[in-house]
C-alpha atoms as a PDB file:
ATOM      1  CA  MET A   1       0.000   0.000   0.000  1.00  0.00           C
ATOM      2  CA  LEU A   2       1.357   3.388  -1.050  1.00  0.00           C
ATOM      3  CA  ARG A   3       0.880   6.416   1.183  1.00  0.00           C
ATOM      4  CA  HIS A   4       2.470   9.732   2.109  1.00  0.00           C
ATOM      5  CA  GLN A   5       2.689  11.587   5.382  1.00  0.00           C
ATOM      6  CA  GLU A   6       3.983  14.994   6.415  1.00  0.00           C
ATOM      7  CA  ILE A   7       6.561  14.711   9.190  1.00  0.00           C
ATOM      8  CA  SER A   8       8.388  17.165  11.433  1.00  0.00           C
ATOM      9  CA  GLY A   9      11.704  18.729  10.469  1.00  0.00           C
ATOM     10  CA  PRO A  10      13.750  16.954  13.169  1.00  0.00           C
ATOM     11  CA  GLU A  11      12.170  13.619  12.217  1.00  0.00           C
ATOM     12  CA  TRP A  12      12.954  14.277   8.553  1.00  0.00           C
ATOM     13  CA  ASP A  13      16.609  15.100   9.220  1.00  0.00           C
ATOM     14  CA  ALA A  14      17.014  12.079  11.502  1.00  0.00           C
ATOM     15  CA  GLY A  15      15.883   9.773   8.679  1.00  0.00           C
ATOM     16  CA  LEU A  16      18.012  11.216   5.866  1.00  0.00           C
ATOM     17  CA  ALA A  17      20.780   8.676   6.486  1.00  0.00           C
ATOM     18  CA  ARG A  18      18.670   6.102   4.648  1.00  0.00           C
ATOM     19  CA  PHE A  19      19.066   7.984   1.347  1.00  0.00           C
ATOM     20  CA  ARG A  20      22.110   8.351  -0.921  1.00  0.00           C
ATOM     21  CA  ASP A  21      20.831  11.313  -2.946  1.00  0.00           C
ATOM     22  CA  VAL A  22      20.611  13.920  -0.180  1.00  0.00           C
ATOM     23  CA  ALA A  23      21.872  17.443  -0.815  1.00  0.00           C
ATOM     24  CA  HIS A  24      22.141  20.036   1.936  1.00  0.00           C
ATOM     25  CA  GLU A  25      19.169  21.895   0.399  1.00  0.00           C
ATOM     26  CA  GLN A  26      17.062  18.867   1.328  1.00  0.00           C
ATOM     27  CA  THR A  27      17.869  19.135   5.039  1.00  0.00           C
ATOM     28  CA  HIS A  28      15.408  20.825   7.369  1.00  0.00           C
ATOM     29  CA  ALA A  29      18.220  22.376   9.424  1.00  0.00           C
ATOM     30  CA  TYR A  30      19.442  24.354   6.412  1.00  0.00           C
ATOM     31  CA  ALA A  31      16.107  25.103   4.739  1.00  0.00           C
ATOM     32  CA  ALA A  32      14.404  26.318   7.924  1.00  0.00           C
ATOM     33  CA  ALA A  33      17.315  28.639   8.720  1.00  0.00           C
ATOM     34  CA  ARG A  34      17.315  30.036   5.177  1.00  0.00           C
ATOM     35  CA  TRP A  35      13.580  30.354   4.526  1.00  0.00           C
ATOM     36  CA  GLY A  36      11.893  30.125   7.946  1.00  0.00           C
ATOM     37  CA  HIS A  37      10.282  27.119   9.649  1.00  0.00           C
ATOM     38  CA  ARG A  38       6.772  27.982   8.485  1.00  0.00           C
ATOM     39  CA  ARG A  39       7.738  27.827   4.818  1.00  0.00           C
ATOM     40  CA  VAL A  40       9.255  24.323   4.976  1.00  0.00           C
ATOM     41  CA  ARG A  41       7.306  21.061   4.628  1.00  0.00           C
ATOM     42  CA  CYS A  42       8.710  17.523   4.704  1.00  0.00           C
ATOM     43  CA  LEU A  43       6.827  14.719   2.959  1.00  0.00           C
ATOM     44  CA  LEU A  44       7.778  11.064   3.425  1.00  0.00           C
ATOM     45  CA  VAL A  45       6.477   8.439   0.980  1.00  0.00           C
ATOM     46  CA  GLU A  46       6.031   4.854   2.201  1.00  0.00           C
ATOM     47  CA  GLU A  47       5.054   1.593   0.570  1.00  0.00           C
ATOM     48  CA  ASP A  48       3.797  -1.214   2.789  1.00  0.00           C
ATOM     49  CA  GLY A  49       5.077   0.700   5.807  1.00  0.00           C
ATOM     50  CA  GLU A  50       8.628   1.145   4.449  1.00  0.00           C
ATOM     51  CA  PRO A  51      10.016   4.553   3.358  1.00  0.00           C
ATOM     52  CA  ILE A  52      10.803   4.664  -0.378  1.00  0.00           C
ATOM     53  CA  GLY A  53      11.367   8.390  -0.869  1.00  0.00           C
ATOM     54  CA  GLY A  54      10.118  11.885  -0.239  1.00  0.00           C
ATOM     55  CA  ALA A  55      11.059  15.520  -0.467  1.00  0.00           C
ATOM     56  CA  LEU A  56      11.512  18.721   1.465  1.00  0.00           C
ATOM     57  CA  ALA A  57       9.718  21.658  -0.133  1.00  0.00           C
ATOM     58  CA  VAL A  58       9.937  25.377   0.504  1.00  0.00           C
ATOM     59  CA  GLY A  59       6.908  27.454  -0.312  1.00  0.00           C
ATOM     60  CA  MET A  60       4.435  30.172   0.375  1.00  0.00           C
ATOM     61  CA  ARG A  61       0.706  29.781   0.952  1.00  0.00           C
ATOM     62  CA  LEU A  62      -2.103  32.348   1.138  1.00  0.00           C
ATOM     63  CA  PRO A  63      -4.540  30.943   3.735  1.00  0.00           C
ATOM     64  CA  VAL A  64      -7.468  33.159   2.719  1.00  0.00           C
ATOM     65  CA  ALA A  65      -7.183  32.394  -0.994  1.00  0.00           C
ATOM     66  CA  GLY A  66      -6.234  28.745  -0.462  1.00  0.00           C
ATOM     67  CA  ALA A  67      -3.420  29.026  -2.993  1.00  0.00           C
ATOM     68  CA  GLY A  68       0.342  29.010  -3.016  1.00  0.00           C
ATOM     69  CA  PHE A  69       3.484  27.523  -4.493  1.00  0.00           C
ATOM     70  CA  SER A  70       6.164  25.075  -3.340  1.00  0.00           C
ATOM     71  CA  ILE A  71       9.639  24.277  -4.648  1.00  0.00           C
ATOM     72  CA  VAL A  72      11.614  21.058  -4.199  1.00  0.00           C
ATOM     73  CA  LYS A  73      15.281  21.791  -4.852  1.00  0.00           C
ATOM     74  CA  PHE A  74      17.524  18.870  -5.792  1.00  0.00           C
ATOM     75  CA  GLY A  75      14.918  16.226  -5.108  1.00  0.00           C
ATOM     76  CA  PRO A  76      12.938  14.129  -4.718  1.00  0.00           C
ATOM     77  CA  LEU A  77      14.915  11.646  -2.639  1.00  0.00           C
ATOM     78  CA  ILE A  78      14.451   8.197  -4.147  1.00  0.00           C
ATOM     79  CA  ARG A  79      17.781   6.369  -3.778  1.00  0.00           C
ATOM     80  CA  GLN A  80      18.129   4.320  -0.626  1.00  0.00           C
ATOM     81  CA  ARG A  81      21.519   3.346   0.766  1.00  0.00           C
ATOM     82  CA  ALA A  82      20.907  -0.255  -0.279  1.00  0.00           C
ATOM     83  CA  GLY A  83      19.925  -0.936  -3.899  1.00  0.00           C
ATOM     84  CA  GLU A  84      18.960   1.217  -6.843  1.00  0.00           C
ATOM     85  CA  ALA A  85      15.744   3.135  -7.402  1.00  0.00           C
ATOM     86  CA  SER A  86      13.606   1.779 -10.242  1.00  0.00           C
ATOM     87  CA  CYS A  87      11.672   4.020 -12.642  1.00  0.00           C
ATOM     88  CA  GLU A  88       8.509   2.761 -10.953  1.00  0.00           C
ATOM     89  CA  THR A  89       9.766   3.935  -7.544  1.00  0.00           C
ATOM     90  CA  VAL A  90      10.513   7.396  -8.931  1.00  0.00           C
ATOM     91  CA  ARG A  91       7.035   7.571 -10.432  1.00  0.00           C
ATOM     92  CA  LYS A  92       5.418   6.519  -7.173  1.00  0.00           C
ATOM     93  CA  VAL A  93       7.252   9.198  -5.205  1.00  0.00           C
ATOM     94  CA  ALA A  94       6.561  11.866  -7.824  1.00  0.00           C
ATOM     95  CA  GLY A  95       2.887  10.918  -7.887  1.00  0.00           C
ATOM     96  CA  GLU A  96       2.584  11.211  -4.113  1.00  0.00           C
ATOM     97  CA  LEU A  97       4.288  14.604  -4.158  1.00  0.00           C
ATOM     98  CA  ARG A  98       1.797  15.847  -6.712  1.00  0.00           C
ATOM     99  CA  ALA A  99      -1.138  14.370  -4.782  1.00  0.00           C
ATOM    100  CA  PHE A 100      -0.114  16.153  -1.571  1.00  0.00           C
ATOM    101  CA  PHE A 101       1.067  19.526  -2.804  1.00  0.00           C
ATOM    102  CA  CYS A 102      -1.121  20.032  -5.875  1.00  0.00           C
ATOM    103  CA  THR A 103      -4.317  18.169  -4.968  1.00  0.00           C
ATOM    104  CA  THR A 104      -4.509  18.321  -1.164  1.00  0.00           C
ATOM    105  CA  LEU A 105      -2.905  21.760  -0.687  1.00  0.00           C
ATOM    106  CA  SER A 106      -3.846  23.221  -4.101  1.00  0.00           C
ATOM    107  CA  THR A 107      -0.330  24.648  -4.485  1.00  0.00           C
ATOM    108  CA  HIS A 108       1.728  24.944  -7.654  1.00  0.00           C
ATOM    109  CA  LEU A 109       4.703  22.566  -7.353  1.00  0.00           C
ATOM    110  CA  THR A 110       8.125  23.009  -8.951  1.00  0.00           C
ATOM    111  CA  VAL A 111      10.744  20.251  -8.762  1.00  0.00           C
ATOM    112  CA  VAL A 112      14.390  20.992  -9.583  1.00  0.00           C
ATOM    113  CA  PRO A 113      16.167  17.638 -10.061  1.00  0.00           C
ATOM    114  CA  PRO A 114      19.904  17.352  -9.364  1.00  0.00           C
ATOM    115  CA  ALA A 115      22.431  17.277 -12.188  1.00  0.00           C
ATOM    116  CA  PRO A 116      22.583  13.613 -13.270  1.00  0.00           C
ATOM    117  CA  ALA A 117      25.876  11.872 -12.549  1.00  0.00           C
ATOM    118  CA  GLU A 118      25.258   8.571 -14.342  1.00  0.00           C
ATOM    119  CA  GLY A 119      22.131   8.899 -16.444  1.00  0.00           C
ATOM    120  CA  ASP A 120      19.929   9.190 -13.362  1.00  0.00           C
ATOM    121  CA  ASP A 121      17.776  12.096 -14.573  1.00  0.00           C
ATOM    122  CA  VAL A 122      14.313  11.845 -12.982  1.00  0.00           C
ATOM    123  CA  SER A 123      12.667  14.253 -15.444  1.00  0.00           C
ATOM    124  CA  ALA A 124      11.068  11.458 -17.470  1.00  0.00           C
ATOM    125  CA  ALA A 125       9.401  10.033 -14.361  1.00  0.00           C
ATOM    126  CA  LEU A 126       8.132  13.483 -13.404  1.00  0.00           C
ATOM    127  CA  ALA A 127       6.715  13.979 -16.908  1.00  0.00           C
ATOM    128  CA  HIS A 128       4.945  10.624 -16.627  1.00  0.00           C
ATOM    129  CA  CYS A 129       3.208  11.956 -13.494  1.00  0.00           C
ATOM    130  CA  GLY A 130       1.955  15.091 -15.205  1.00  0.00           C
ATOM    131  CA  PHE A 131       4.820  17.507 -14.578  1.00  0.00           C
ATOM    132  CA  ALA A 132       5.799  19.844 -17.407  1.00  0.00           C
ATOM    133  CA  PRO A 133       9.149  21.580 -18.073  1.00  0.00           C
ATOM    134  CA  THR A 134       9.504  25.295 -17.397  1.00  0.00           C
ATOM    135  CA  MET A 135      12.363  27.784 -17.904  1.00  0.00           C
ATOM    136  CA  PRO A 136      15.916  26.343 -17.678  1.00  0.00           C
ATOM    137  CA  LEU A 137      18.152  27.524 -14.843  1.00  0.00           C
ATOM    138  CA  ARG A 138      20.713  30.243 -15.519  1.00  0.00           C
ATOM    139  CA  ASP A 139      23.689  28.574 -13.791  1.00  0.00           C
ATOM    140  CA  ALA A 140      22.940  24.950 -14.677  1.00  0.00           C
ATOM    141  CA  ARG A 141      26.402  23.452 -15.257  1.00  0.00           C
ATOM    142  CA  ARG A 142      27.797  21.221 -12.519  1.00  0.00           C
ATOM    143  CA  TYR A 143      31.341  19.845 -12.424  1.00  0.00           C
ATOM    144  CA  LEU A 144      31.548  16.292 -11.058  1.00  0.00           C
ATOM    145  CA  ILE A 145      34.783  14.616  -9.960  1.00  0.00           C
ATOM    146  CA  ASP A 146      34.887  10.820 -10.223  1.00  0.00           C
ATOM    147  CA  LEU A 147      35.989   9.663  -6.762  1.00  0.00           C
ATOM    148  CA  ALA A 148      36.339   6.047  -7.945  1.00  0.00           C
ATOM    149  CA  LEU A 149      39.648   6.921  -9.633  1.00  0.00           C
ATOM    150  CA  ALA A 150      42.815   5.873  -7.829  1.00  0.00           C
ATOM    151  CA  ARG A 151      45.168   8.613  -6.628  1.00  0.00           C
ATOM    152  CA  GLY A 152      47.538   8.260  -9.587  1.00  0.00           C
ATOM    153  CA  GLU A 153      44.657   8.128 -12.055  1.00  0.00           C
ATOM    154  CA  GLN A 154      43.151  11.265 -10.543  1.00  0.00           C
ATOM    155  CA  ARG A 155      46.356  13.221 -11.111  1.00  0.00           C
ATOM    156  CA  ALA A 156      46.887  11.837 -14.599  1.00  0.00           C
ATOM    157  CA  ASN A 157      43.338  12.931 -15.414  1.00  0.00           C
ATOM    158  CA  LEU A 158      44.057  16.608 -14.683  1.00  0.00           C
ATOM    159  CA  ALA A 159      44.476  19.131 -17.490  1.00  0.00           C
ATOM    160  CA  GLY A 160      48.116  20.040 -18.101  1.00  0.00           C
ATOM    161  CA  ARG A 161      47.982  23.533 -16.648  1.00  0.00           C
ATOM    162  CA  TRP A 162      46.081  22.286 -13.593  1.00  0.00           C
ATOM    163  CA  ARG A 163      48.704  19.585 -13.012  1.00  0.00           C
ATOM    164  CA  ARG A 164      51.533  22.120 -13.222  1.00  0.00           C
ATOM    165  CA  ASN A 165      49.865  24.439 -10.711  1.00  0.00           C
ATOM    166  CA  LEU A 166      49.227  21.515  -8.374  1.00  0.00           C
ATOM    167  CA  ARG A 167      52.863  20.431  -8.566  1.00  0.00           C
ATOM    168  CA  GLN A 168      54.036  23.954  -7.707  1.00  0.00           C
ATOM    169  CA  ALA A 169      51.599  24.113  -4.777  1.00  0.00           C
ATOM    170  CA  GLU A 170      52.655  20.738  -3.390  1.00  0.00           C
ATOM    171  CA  GLU A 171      56.303  21.813  -3.508  1.00  0.00           C
ATOM    172  CA  ARG A 172      55.427  24.471  -0.915  1.00  0.00           C
ATOM    173  CA  ARG A 173      54.350  21.712   1.511  1.00  0.00           C
ATOM    174  CA  PHE A 174      51.227  23.315   2.906  1.00  0.00           C
ATOM    175  CA  ASP A 175      49.738  21.660   5.992  1.00  0.00           C
ATOM    176  CA  MET A 176      46.317  20.105   5.306  1.00  0.00           C
ATOM    177  CA  TRP A 177      43.790  19.499   8.061  1.00  0.00           C
ATOM    178  CA  GLU A 178      40.136  19.730   9.070  1.00  0.00           C
ATOM    179  CA  ALA A 179      38.782  22.389  11.418  1.00  0.00           C
ATOM    180  CA  ASN A 180      35.240  21.207  12.046  1.00  0.00           C
ATOM    181  CA  GLY A 181      32.574  22.459  14.424  1.00  0.00           C
ATOM    182  CA  PRO A 182      31.653  26.099  15.130  1.00  0.00           C
ATOM    183  CA  GLU A 183      35.310  27.069  15.598  1.00  0.00           C
ATOM    184  CA  GLY A 184      36.180  25.819  12.126  1.00  0.00           C
ATOM    185  CA  LEU A 185      33.271  27.712  10.641  1.00  0.00           C
ATOM    186  CA  ARG A 186      34.358  30.945  12.387  1.00  0.00           C
ATOM    187  CA  MET A 187      37.855  30.498  10.979  1.00  0.00           C
ATOM    188  CA  PHE A 188      36.463  30.024   7.476  1.00  0.00           C
ATOM    189  CA  GLU A 189      34.225  33.090   7.795  1.00  0.00           C
ATOM    190  CA  THR A 190      37.261  35.192   8.717  1.00  0.00           C
ATOM    191  CA  LEU A 191      39.046  34.060   5.543  1.00  0.00           C
ATOM    192  CA  PHE A 192      35.898  34.568   3.506  1.00  0.00           C
ATOM    193  CA  GLU A 193      35.289  38.089   4.757  1.00  0.00           C
ATOM    194  CA  ALA A 194      38.858  39.034   3.882  1.00  0.00           C
ATOM    195  CA  LEU A 195      38.262  37.641   0.388  1.00  0.00           C
ATOM    196  CA  ARG A 196      35.077  39.709   0.012  1.00  0.00           C
ATOM    197  CA  GLN A 197      37.013  42.839   0.936  1.00  0.00           C
ATOM    198  CA  ARG A 198      39.499  42.149  -1.873  1.00  0.00           C
ATOM    199  CA  LYS A 199      37.175  40.924  -4.628  1.00  0.00           C
ATOM    200  CA  GLN A 200      33.794  42.059  -5.911  1.00  0.00           C
ATOM    201  CA  GLY A 201      30.874  39.715  -6.589  1.00  0.00           C
ATOM    202  CA  VAL A 202      31.943  36.887  -4.276  1.00  0.00           C
ATOM    203  CA  HIS A 203      29.035  34.436  -3.873  1.00  0.00           C
ATOM    204  CA  ALA A 204      27.864  34.214  -0.248  1.00  0.00           C
ATOM    205  CA  ALA A 205      24.215  33.061  -0.445  1.00  0.00           C
ATOM    206  CA  GLY A 206      23.661  30.281   2.081  1.00  0.00           C
ATOM    207  CA  LEU A 207      26.813  30.857   4.117  1.00  0.00           C
ATOM    208  CA  ASP A 208      24.965  32.263   7.127  1.00  0.00           C
ATOM    209  CA  GLU A 209      22.854  29.078   7.248  1.00  0.00           C
ATOM    210  CA  MET A 210      25.939  26.906   7.733  1.00  0.00           C
ATOM    211  CA  ASP A 211      25.676  27.661  11.465  1.00  0.00           C
ATOM    212  CA  ALA A 212      22.304  25.903  11.625  1.00  0.00           C
ATOM    213  CA  LEU A 213      23.601  22.950   9.625  1.00  0.00           C
ATOM    214  CA  MET A 214      26.710  22.721  11.819  1.00  0.00           C
ATOM    215  CA  ALA A 215      24.483  22.677  14.916  1.00  0.00           C
ATOM    216  CA  SER A 216      22.350  19.798  13.621  1.00  0.00           C
ATOM    217  CA  PRO A 217      21.852  16.990  16.166  1.00  0.00           C
ATOM    218  CA  THR A 218      22.506  14.584  13.262  1.00  0.00           C
ATOM    219  CA  PRO A 219      26.321  14.570  12.892  1.00  0.00           C
ATOM    220  CA  GLY A 220      26.255  13.340   9.291  1.00  0.00           C
ATOM    221  CA  LEU A 221      24.520  16.524   8.152  1.00  0.00           C
ATOM    222  CA  ARG A 222      27.197  18.891   9.428  1.00  0.00           C
ATOM    223  CA  PRO A 223      29.507  20.484   6.833  1.00  0.00           C
ATOM    224  CA  ARG A 224      33.243  19.797   6.902  1.00  0.00           C
ATOM    225  CA  ILE A 225      35.891  22.533   6.832  1.00  0.00           C
ATOM    226  CA  PHE A 226      39.090  21.624   4.966  1.00  0.00           C
ATOM    227  CA  VAL A 227      42.061  23.935   5.571  1.00  0.00           C
ATOM    228  CA  ALA A 228      45.458  24.610   4.018  1.00  0.00           C
ATOM    229  CA  SER A 229      47.905  26.470   6.254  1.00  0.00           C
ATOM    230  CA  PHE A 230      51.462  27.745   5.949  1.00  0.00           C
ATOM    231  CA  ARG A 231      53.611  28.158   9.051  1.00  0.00           C
ATOM    232  CA  HIS A 232      50.513  27.638  11.208  1.00  0.00           C
ATOM    233  CA  TYR A 233      48.514  30.371   9.458  1.00  0.00           C
ATOM    234  CA  PRO A 234      45.388  29.333   7.484  1.00  0.00           C
ATOM    235  CA  ILE A 235      45.699  30.565   3.907  1.00  0.00           C
ATOM    236  CA  ALA A 236      42.895  28.623   2.179  1.00  0.00           C
ATOM    237  CA  ALA A 237      39.771  26.762   3.268  1.00  0.00           C
ATOM    238  CA  ALA A 238      36.775  24.979   1.771  1.00  0.00           C
ATOM    239  CA  VAL A 239      33.327  24.130   3.150  1.00  0.00           C
ATOM    240  CA  VAL A 240      32.182  20.725   1.886  1.00  0.00           C
ATOM    241  CA  SER A 241      28.876  18.928   2.420  1.00  0.00           C
ATOM    242  CA  CYS A 242      29.325  15.154   2.697  1.00  0.00           C
ATOM    243  CA  ILE A 243      25.762  14.025   3.392  1.00  0.00           C
ATOM    244  CA  GLY A 244      24.910  11.545   0.654  1.00  0.00           C
ATOM    245  CA  ALA A 245      26.766   9.668  -2.071  1.00  0.00           C
ATOM    246  CA  ARG A 246      27.628  13.003  -3.676  1.00  0.00           C
ATOM    247  CA  ALA A 247      29.895  15.329  -1.697  1.00  0.00           C
ATOM    248  CA  THR A 248      29.434  18.992  -2.613  1.00  0.00           C
ATOM    249  CA  TYR A 249      31.832  21.920  -2.523  1.00  0.00           C
ATOM    250  CA  LEU A 250      29.837  24.806  -1.038  1.00  0.00           C
ATOM    251  CA  PHE A 251      32.239  27.683  -0.343  1.00  0.00           C
ATOM    252  CA  GLY A 252      35.920  28.463  -0.656  1.00  0.00           C
ATOM    253  CA  ALA A 253      38.285  31.266   0.350  1.00  0.00           C
ATOM    254  CA  GLN A 254      41.989  31.980   0.344  1.00  0.00           C
ATOM    255  CA  THR A 255      44.343  34.780   1.274  1.00  0.00           C
ATOM    256  CA  GLU A 256      46.546  36.667  -1.182  1.00  0.00           C
ATOM    257  CA  GLN A 257      49.434  34.491  -0.038  1.00  0.00           C
ATOM    258  CA  GLY A 258      47.332  31.418  -0.719  1.00  0.00           C
ATOM    259  CA  ALA A 259      46.464  32.641  -4.199  1.00  0.00           C
ATOM    260  CA  SER A 260      50.097  33.374  -5.072  1.00  0.00           C
ATOM    261  CA  GLY A 261      51.076  29.896  -3.890  1.00  0.00           C
ATOM    262  CA  ASN A 262      48.226  28.060  -5.682  1.00  0.00           C
ATOM    263  CA  ALA A 263      46.965  26.832  -2.312  1.00  0.00           C
ATOM    264  CA  SER A 264      43.458  26.172  -3.682  1.00  0.00           C
ATOM    265  CA  TYR A 265      44.912  23.575  -6.074  1.00  0.00           C
ATOM    266  CA  ALA A 266      46.577  21.636  -3.273  1.00  0.00           C
ATOM    267  CA  LEU A 267      43.528  21.982  -1.037  1.00  0.00           C
ATOM    268  CA  GLN A 268      41.081  20.660  -3.642  1.00  0.00           C
ATOM    269  CA  MET A 269      43.311  17.690  -4.337  1.00  0.00           C
ATOM    270  CA  HIS A 270      43.510  16.996  -0.599  1.00  0.00           C
ATOM    271  CA  VAL A 271      39.705  17.043  -0.409  1.00  0.00           C
ATOM    272  CA  ILE A 272      39.471  14.629  -3.336  1.00  0.00           C
ATOM    273  CA  ASP A 273      42.106  12.288  -1.860  1.00  0.00           C
ATOM    274  CA  THR A 274      40.320  12.303   1.508  1.00  0.00           C
ATOM    275  CA  LEU A 275      36.883  11.610   0.047  1.00  0.00           C
ATOM    276  CA  SER A 276      38.233   8.874  -2.216  1.00  0.00           C
ATOM    277  CA  MET A 277      40.005   7.163   0.676  1.00  0.00           C
ATOM    278  CA  GLU A 278      36.886   7.294   2.882  1.00  0.00           C
ATOM    279  CA  GLY A 279      34.823   5.653   0.159  1.00  0.00           C
ATOM    280  CA  ARG A 280      31.439   7.022   1.262  1.00  0.00           C
ATOM    281  CA  ALA A 281      30.882   9.407  -1.650  1.00  0.00           C
ATOM    282  CA  ARG A 282      30.899   8.359  -5.311  1.00  0.00           C
ATOM    283  CA  TRP A 283      31.093  11.870  -6.793  1.00  0.00           C
ATOM    284  CA  TYR A 284      32.451  15.249  -5.714  1.00  0.00           C
ATOM    285  CA  ASP A 285      30.306  18.100  -7.027  1.00  0.00           C
ATOM    286  CA  LEU A 286      32.246  21.354  -7.517  1.00  0.00           C
ATOM    287  CA  GLY A 287      29.064  23.352  -8.117  1.00  0.00           C
ATOM    288  CA  GLY A 288      28.501  25.830 -10.939  1.00  0.00           C
ATOM    289  CA  ASP A 289      30.546  28.552 -12.602  1.00  0.00           C
ATOM    290  CA  ASN A 290      28.163  31.547 -12.972  1.00  0.00           C
ATOM    291  CA  ASP A 291      29.629  31.849 -16.477  1.00  0.00           C
ATOM    292  CA  VAL A 292      32.898  33.202 -15.016  1.00  0.00           C
ATOM    293  CA  PRO A 293      35.813  32.250 -17.328  1.00  0.00           C
ATOM    294  CA  GLY A 294      38.305  31.719 -14.483  1.00  0.00           C
ATOM    295  CA  LEU A 295      35.957  29.363 -12.637  1.00  0.00           C
ATOM    296  CA  LYS A 296      35.205  27.456 -15.823  1.00  0.00           C
ATOM    297  CA  GLN A 297      38.909  26.942 -16.487  1.00  0.00           C
ATOM    298  CA  PHE A 298      39.682  25.891 -12.909  1.00  0.00           C
ATOM    299  CA  LYS A 299      36.825  23.415 -12.641  1.00  0.00           C
ATOM    300  CA  THR A 300      37.133  22.004 -16.151  1.00  0.00           C
ATOM    301  CA  GLY A 301      40.822  21.334 -15.565  1.00  0.00           C
ATOM    302  CA  LEU A 302      40.093  19.526 -12.313  1.00  0.00           C
ATOM    303  CA  VAL A 303      37.271  17.425 -13.783  1.00  0.00           C
ATOM    304  CA  GLY A 304      39.513  16.328 -16.625  1.00  0.00           C
ATOM    305  CA  THR A 305      38.354  13.778 -19.172  1.00  0.00           C
ATOM    306  CA  ARG A 306      37.091  11.169 -16.720  1.00  0.00           C
ATOM    307  CA  GLY A 307      34.839  13.362 -14.639  1.00  0.00           C
ATOM    308  CA  ARG A 308      31.588  14.892 -15.868  1.00  0.00           C
ATOM    309  CA  VAL A 309      30.248  18.308 -16.701  1.00  0.00           C
ATOM    310  CA  ALA A 310      26.510  17.785 -16.309  1.00  0.00           C
ATOM    311  CA  ALA A 311      23.570  20.160 -16.476  1.00  0.00           C
ATOM    312  CA  ILE A 312      20.848  20.517 -13.881  1.00  0.00           C
ATOM    313  CA  PRO A 313      17.699  19.446 -15.767  1.00  0.00           C
ATOM    314  CA  THR A 314      15.024  21.994 -16.591  1.00  0.00           C
ATOM    315  CA  PRO A 315      12.736  22.401 -13.550  1.00  0.00           C
ATOM    316  CA  MET A 316       9.430  20.533 -13.800  1.00  0.00           C
ATOM    317  CA  THR A 317       6.119  21.955 -12.622  1.00  0.00           C
ATOM    318  CA  ALA A 318       2.647  20.664 -11.768  1.00  0.00           C
ATOM    319  CA  SER A 319      -0.475  22.791 -11.495  1.00  0.00           C
ATOM    320  CA  GLY A 320      -2.228  23.492  -8.218  1.00  0.00           C
ATOM    321  CA  GLY A 321      -5.023  25.512  -9.784  1.00  0.00           C
ATOM    322  CA  ALA A 322      -5.236  28.718 -11.792  1.00  0.00           C
ATOM    323  CA  PHE A 323      -4.593  31.107  -8.901  1.00  0.00           C
ATOM    324  CA  SER A 324      -1.677  29.072  -7.526  1.00  0.00           C
ATOM    325  CA  ASP A 325      -0.124  28.872 -10.982  1.00  0.00           C
ATOM    326  CA  LEU A 326      -0.445  32.637 -11.393  1.00  0.00           C
ATOM    327  CA  LEU A 327       1.149  33.214  -8.000  1.00  0.00           C
ATOM    328  CA  ALA A 328       4.053  30.887  -8.862  1.00  0.00           C
ATOM    329  CA  ARG A 329       4.708  32.659 -12.179  1.00  0.00           C
ATOM    330  CA  ALA A 330       4.739  36.019 -10.438  1.00  0.00           C
ATOM    331  CA  ALA A 331       7.207  34.736  -7.831  1.00  0.00           C
ATOM    332  CA  VAL A 332       9.574  33.434 -10.528  1.00  0.00           C
ATOM    333  CA  ARG A 333       9.487  36.788 -12.347  1.00  0.00           C
ATOM    334  CA  LEU A 334      10.461  38.540  -9.115  1.00  0.00           C
ATOM    335  CA  LYS A 335      13.248  36.075  -8.318  1.00  0.00           C
ATOM    336  CA  PRO A 336      14.118  33.540 -11.062  1.00  0.00           C
ATOM    337  CA  LEU A 337      15.165  30.032 -10.041  1.00  0.00           C
ATOM    338  CA  GLY A 338      18.893  29.303  -9.959  1.00  0.00           C
END
């Protein structure tokens, strides 16, 4: 028997360990801090009493009009730790999401699937359940590192210029370590603020919410802080989410000394080596590039020929009624997705 139920945020976060396809946007700790508790809903889908998937959605609802919209970012969750998700499972979860949000709540529902790593695009299953594509995202490219490669293979896979910069950085013998917990986050924020003072247009959306994620009672949801230091002084750091089978680079910062010494090259390779050795994640997602040439070059060189440059699929939408659809279109015009 297939059914869905809305559950509390803490209960949702406590059960995320059962899924491999969790991104930090699908955690209640992060979403509630970013958008407010009242805007976040967590839906669990079960079959014969066993969880098979679900999604966290952020939305807005007008109680008087009985209309609203909801957005599922980088979901739904359909891949359990054991086994693979069949097309039928994806369809069941997508159908339950539509039944709850569009039929029961009469809200317009938008689902933004993650960038597919190995042909695992769920768009076809969403279309089967009545979802239709909308406008593509602006910053859709995602750079995926293959963590199954051995250490030597990973280095041989690098673009020539990237390999040269890495070799120069490793000759400087930076110290690599992790500074986790609130103290590590404070140290990163100090580096990041110094970077913002030097450079214009540095992306910071979501950084403030790392405090809530770091304070999660579920240890596996907390971000990790990787650090490169020289003579005991931190010169580069990266915030990495390691929740599911895809680790994700969230934020990075380095000092002028770090930049001149190519510290970010050595630090990224240390992150990759660490994740590969741990064996929990299959892919390392470097995020997007915002169409910035320098970022494109850096990330393309690190991905090499054996990683992947994938695109986040076009968001899929399902109607919740004429007024809800109108409200959703107006919201997108005010603040486009992506």
